[in-house]
Amino acid sequence: MEITNKQQGIKVVGDVLDIVGGKWRGQILAHLCDNPKRFNELKTILSNITSSTLTKELRYLEDIKIVERNIVQDTPIIVEYRLTDHGKSIKDLIKIIIEWGLKHRKIVFKKN
């Protein structure tokens, strides 16, 4: 799909920011870029997130085909979350966000 006008481009930017924006989604995705994680691993890493919020965010990311839920073991049930093949394409964007964020912090927190 090719962008044909400015409004369409702005809509696409909004779509992307909806996926990686907010308090938790970008962090969840950044952690899943490294390797698959179990629910409790993510909950521990994201220490202030509630279980219901983590569940809601993971379900959203599953619905949009970025994350997949995989049952690793039946008894006791062990579930892990990983990026889908499509979701792996977000790794480059996360890397760019981190690089830009580091440059931005240098400017904002620069000592006078």
C-alpha atoms as a PDB file:
ATOM      1  CA  MET A   1       0.000   0.000   0.000  1.00  0.00           C
ATOM      2  CA  GLU A   2       1.325   3.380  -0.967  1.00  0.00           C
ATOM      3  CA  ILE A   3       0.565   6.667   0.773  1.00  0.00           C
ATOM      4  CA  THR A   4      -1.348   8.885  -1.660  1.00  0.00           C
ATOM      5  CA  ASN A   5      -1.921  11.981   0.494  1.00  0.00           C
ATOM      6  CA  LYS A   6      -0.894  13.645   3.752  1.00  0.00           C
ATOM      7  CA  GLN A   7      -4.077  12.625   5.607  1.00  0.00           C
ATOM      8  CA  GLN A   8      -3.485   8.973   4.794  1.00  0.00           C
ATOM      9  CA  GLY A   9       0.087   9.264   6.096  1.00  0.00           C
ATOM     10  CA  ILE A  10      -1.132  10.874   9.305  1.00  0.00           C
ATOM     11  CA  LYS A  11      -3.652   8.036   9.767  1.00  0.00           C
ATOM     12  CA  VAL A  12      -0.860   5.470   9.380  1.00  0.00           C
ATOM     13  CA  VAL A  13       1.271   7.305  11.963  1.00  0.00           C
ATOM     14  CA  GLY A  14      -1.727   7.199  14.315  1.00  0.00           C
ATOM     15  CA  ASP A  15      -2.135   3.462  13.738  1.00  0.00           C
ATOM     16  CA  VAL A  16       1.522   2.796  14.578  1.00  0.00           C
ATOM     17  CA  LEU A  17       1.459   5.019  17.660  1.00  0.00           C
ATOM     18  CA  ASP A  18      -1.660   3.207  18.848  1.00  0.00           C
ATOM     19  CA  ILE A  19       0.289  -0.066  18.740  1.00  0.00           C
ATOM     20  CA  VAL A  20       3.542   1.067  20.391  1.00  0.00           C
ATOM     21  CA  GLY A  21       2.192   4.017  22.342  1.00  0.00           C
ATOM     22  CA  GLY A  22       0.620   4.175  25.730  1.00  0.00           C
ATOM     23  CA  LYS A  23       2.172   3.187  28.990  1.00  0.00           C
ATOM     24  CA  TRP A  24       2.641  -0.551  28.448  1.00  0.00           C
ATOM     25  CA  ARG A  25       2.488  -1.788  24.840  1.00  0.00           C
ATOM     26  CA  GLY A  26       5.868  -0.461  23.761  1.00  0.00           C
ATOM     27  CA  GLN A  27       7.491  -1.906  26.856  1.00  0.00           C
ATOM     28  CA  ILE A  28       5.830  -5.293  26.352  1.00  0.00           C
ATOM     29  CA  LEU A  29       6.962  -5.359  22.720  1.00  0.00           C
ATOM     30  CA  ALA A  30      10.506  -4.298  23.618  1.00  0.00           C
ATOM     31  CA  HIS A  31      10.767  -7.174  26.102  1.00  0.00           C
ATOM     32  CA  LEU A  32       9.356  -9.675  23.612  1.00  0.00           C
ATOM     33  CA  CYS A  33      11.940  -8.561  21.018  1.00  0.00           C
ATOM     34  CA  ASP A  34      14.603 -10.367  23.057  1.00  0.00           C
ATOM     35  CA  ASN A  35      12.834 -13.717  23.420  1.00  0.00           C
ATOM     36  CA  PRO A  36       9.467 -15.223  24.384  1.00  0.00           C
ATOM     37  CA  LYS A  37       8.268 -14.541  27.912  1.00  0.00           C
ATOM     38  CA  ARG A  38       5.759 -16.150  30.223  1.00  0.00           C
ATOM     39  CA  PHE A  39       2.978 -14.013  31.661  1.00  0.00           C
ATOM     40  CA  ASN A  40       4.533 -13.889  35.135  1.00  0.00           C
ATOM     41  CA  GLU A  41       7.928 -12.988  33.680  1.00  0.00           C
ATOM     42  CA  LEU A  42       6.362  -9.988  31.965  1.00  0.00           C
ATOM     43  CA  LYS A  43       4.454  -9.094  35.127  1.00  0.00           C
ATOM     44  CA  THR A  44       7.696  -9.169  37.140  1.00  0.00           C
ATOM     45  CA  ILE A  45       9.642  -7.131  34.590  1.00  0.00           C
ATOM     46  CA  LEU A  46       6.837  -4.574  34.325  1.00  0.00           C
ATOM     47  CA  SER A  47       6.557  -4.319  38.089  1.00  0.00           C
ATOM     48  CA  ASN A  48       3.740  -1.745  38.241  1.00  0.00           C
ATOM     49  CA  ILE A  49       1.387  -3.349  35.709  1.00  0.00           C
ATOM     50  CA  THR A  50      -1.718  -5.102  37.008  1.00  0.00           C
ATOM     51  CA  SER A  51      -2.579  -8.610  35.842  1.00  0.00           C
ATOM     52  CA  SER A  52      -5.787  -7.393  34.222  1.00  0.00           C
ATOM     53  CA  THR A  53      -3.969  -4.640  32.298  1.00  0.00           C
ATOM     54  CA  LEU A  54      -1.254  -7.052  31.119  1.00  0.00           C
ATOM     55  CA  THR A  55      -3.936  -9.513  30.009  1.00  0.00           C
ATOM     56  CA  LYS A  56      -5.818  -6.759  28.153  1.00  0.00           C
ATOM     57  CA  GLU A  57      -2.671  -5.494  26.400  1.00  0.00           C
ATOM     58  CA  LEU A  58      -1.514  -8.989  25.405  1.00  0.00           C
ATOM     59  CA  ARG A  59      -4.972  -9.812  24.014  1.00  0.00           C
ATOM     60  CA  TYR A  60      -4.950  -6.608  21.977  1.00  0.00           C
ATOM     61  CA  LEU A  61      -1.507  -7.420  20.575  1.00  0.00           C
ATOM     62  CA  GLU A  62      -2.748 -10.942  19.770  1.00  0.00           C
ATOM     63  CA  ASP A  63      -5.847  -9.568  18.027  1.00  0.00           C
ATOM     64  CA  ILE A  64      -3.726  -7.415  15.735  1.00  0.00           C
ATOM     65  CA  LYS A  65      -1.384 -10.322  14.937  1.00  0.00           C
ATOM     66  CA  ILE A  66       1.736  -8.864  16.598  1.00  0.00           C
ATOM     67  CA  VAL A  67       1.970 -11.347  19.495  1.00  0.00           C
ATOM     68  CA  GLU A  68       1.013 -14.992  19.745  1.00  0.00           C
ATOM     69  CA  ARG A  69       0.167 -17.052  22.796  1.00  0.00           C
ATOM     70  CA  ASN A  70       1.798 -20.474  22.866  1.00  0.00           C
ATOM     71  CA  ILE A  71       0.993 -23.280  25.314  1.00  0.00           C
ATOM     72  CA  VAL A  72       4.377 -24.783  26.188  1.00  0.00           C
ATOM     73  CA  GLN A  73       3.186 -27.351  28.719  1.00  0.00           C
ATOM     74  CA  ASP A  74      -0.274 -28.703  29.600  1.00  0.00           C
ATOM     75  CA  THR A  75       0.155 -29.802  33.212  1.00  0.00           C
ATOM     76  CA  PRO A  76       0.692 -27.471  34.894  1.00  0.00           C
ATOM     77  CA  ILE A  77      -0.238 -25.137  32.086  1.00  0.00           C
ATOM     78  CA  ILE A  78       2.641 -22.944  30.962  1.00  0.00           C
ATOM     79  CA  VAL A  79       1.928 -20.243  28.413  1.00  0.00           C
ATOM     80  CA  GLU A  80       4.458 -18.015  26.761  1.00  0.00           C
ATOM     81  CA  TYR A  81       4.047 -14.987  24.567  1.00  0.00           C
ATOM     82  CA  ARG A  82       6.197 -14.272  21.544  1.00  0.00           C
ATOM     83  CA  LEU A  83       6.246 -12.010  18.541  1.00  0.00           C
ATOM     84  CA  THR A  84       4.589 -13.452  15.448  1.00  0.00           C
ATOM     85  CA  ASP A  85       6.540 -13.446  12.195  1.00  0.00           C
ATOM     86  CA  HIS A  86       4.724 -10.207  11.373  1.00  0.00           C
ATOM     87  CA  GLY A  87       5.410  -8.895  14.898  1.00  0.00           C
ATOM     88  CA  LYS A  88       9.146  -9.449  14.467  1.00  0.00           C
ATOM     89  CA  SER A  89       9.098  -6.661  11.898  1.00  0.00           C
ATOM     90  CA  ILE A  90       8.539  -4.213  14.759  1.00  0.00           C
ATOM     91  CA  LYS A  91      12.045  -4.901  16.136  1.00  0.00           C
ATOM     92  CA  ASP A  92      13.576  -2.343  13.763  1.00  0.00           C
ATOM     93  CA  LEU A  93      11.059   0.280  14.864  1.00  0.00           C
ATOM     94  CA  ILE A  94      11.738  -0.440  18.565  1.00  0.00           C
ATOM     95  CA  LYS A  95      15.482  -0.088  17.909  1.00  0.00           C
ATOM     96  CA  ILE A  96      14.945   3.276  16.190  1.00  0.00           C
ATOM     97  CA  ILE A  97      12.727   4.462  19.063  1.00  0.00           C
ATOM     98  CA  ILE A  98      15.430   3.506  21.581  1.00  0.00           C
ATOM     99  CA  GLU A  99      18.149   5.285  19.589  1.00  0.00           C
ATOM    100  CA  TRP A 100      16.044   8.420  19.203  1.00  0.00           C
ATOM    101  CA  GLY A 101      15.054   8.293  22.892  1.00  0.00           C
ATOM    102  CA  LEU A 102      18.693   8.162  23.969  1.00  0.00           C
ATOM    103  CA  LYS A 103      19.537  11.199  21.798  1.00  0.00           C
ATOM    104  CA  HIS A 104      16.483  13.030  23.118  1.00  0.00           C
ATOM    105  CA  ARG A 105      17.428  12.318  26.755  1.00  0.00           C
ATOM    106  CA  LYS A 106      20.904  13.748  26.142  1.00  0.00           C
ATOM    107  CA  ILE A 107      19.344  16.992  24.961  1.00  0.00           C
ATOM    108  CA  VAL A 108      16.617  17.235  27.586  1.00  0.00           C
ATOM    109  CA  PHE A 109      18.701  16.184  30.566  1.00  0.00           C
ATOM    110  CA  LYS A 110      21.855  17.980  29.430  1.00  0.00           C
ATOM    111  CA  LYS A 111      23.570  19.737  32.314  1.00  0.00           C
ATOM    112  CA  ASN A 112      23.974  23.473  31.811  1.00  0.00           C
END
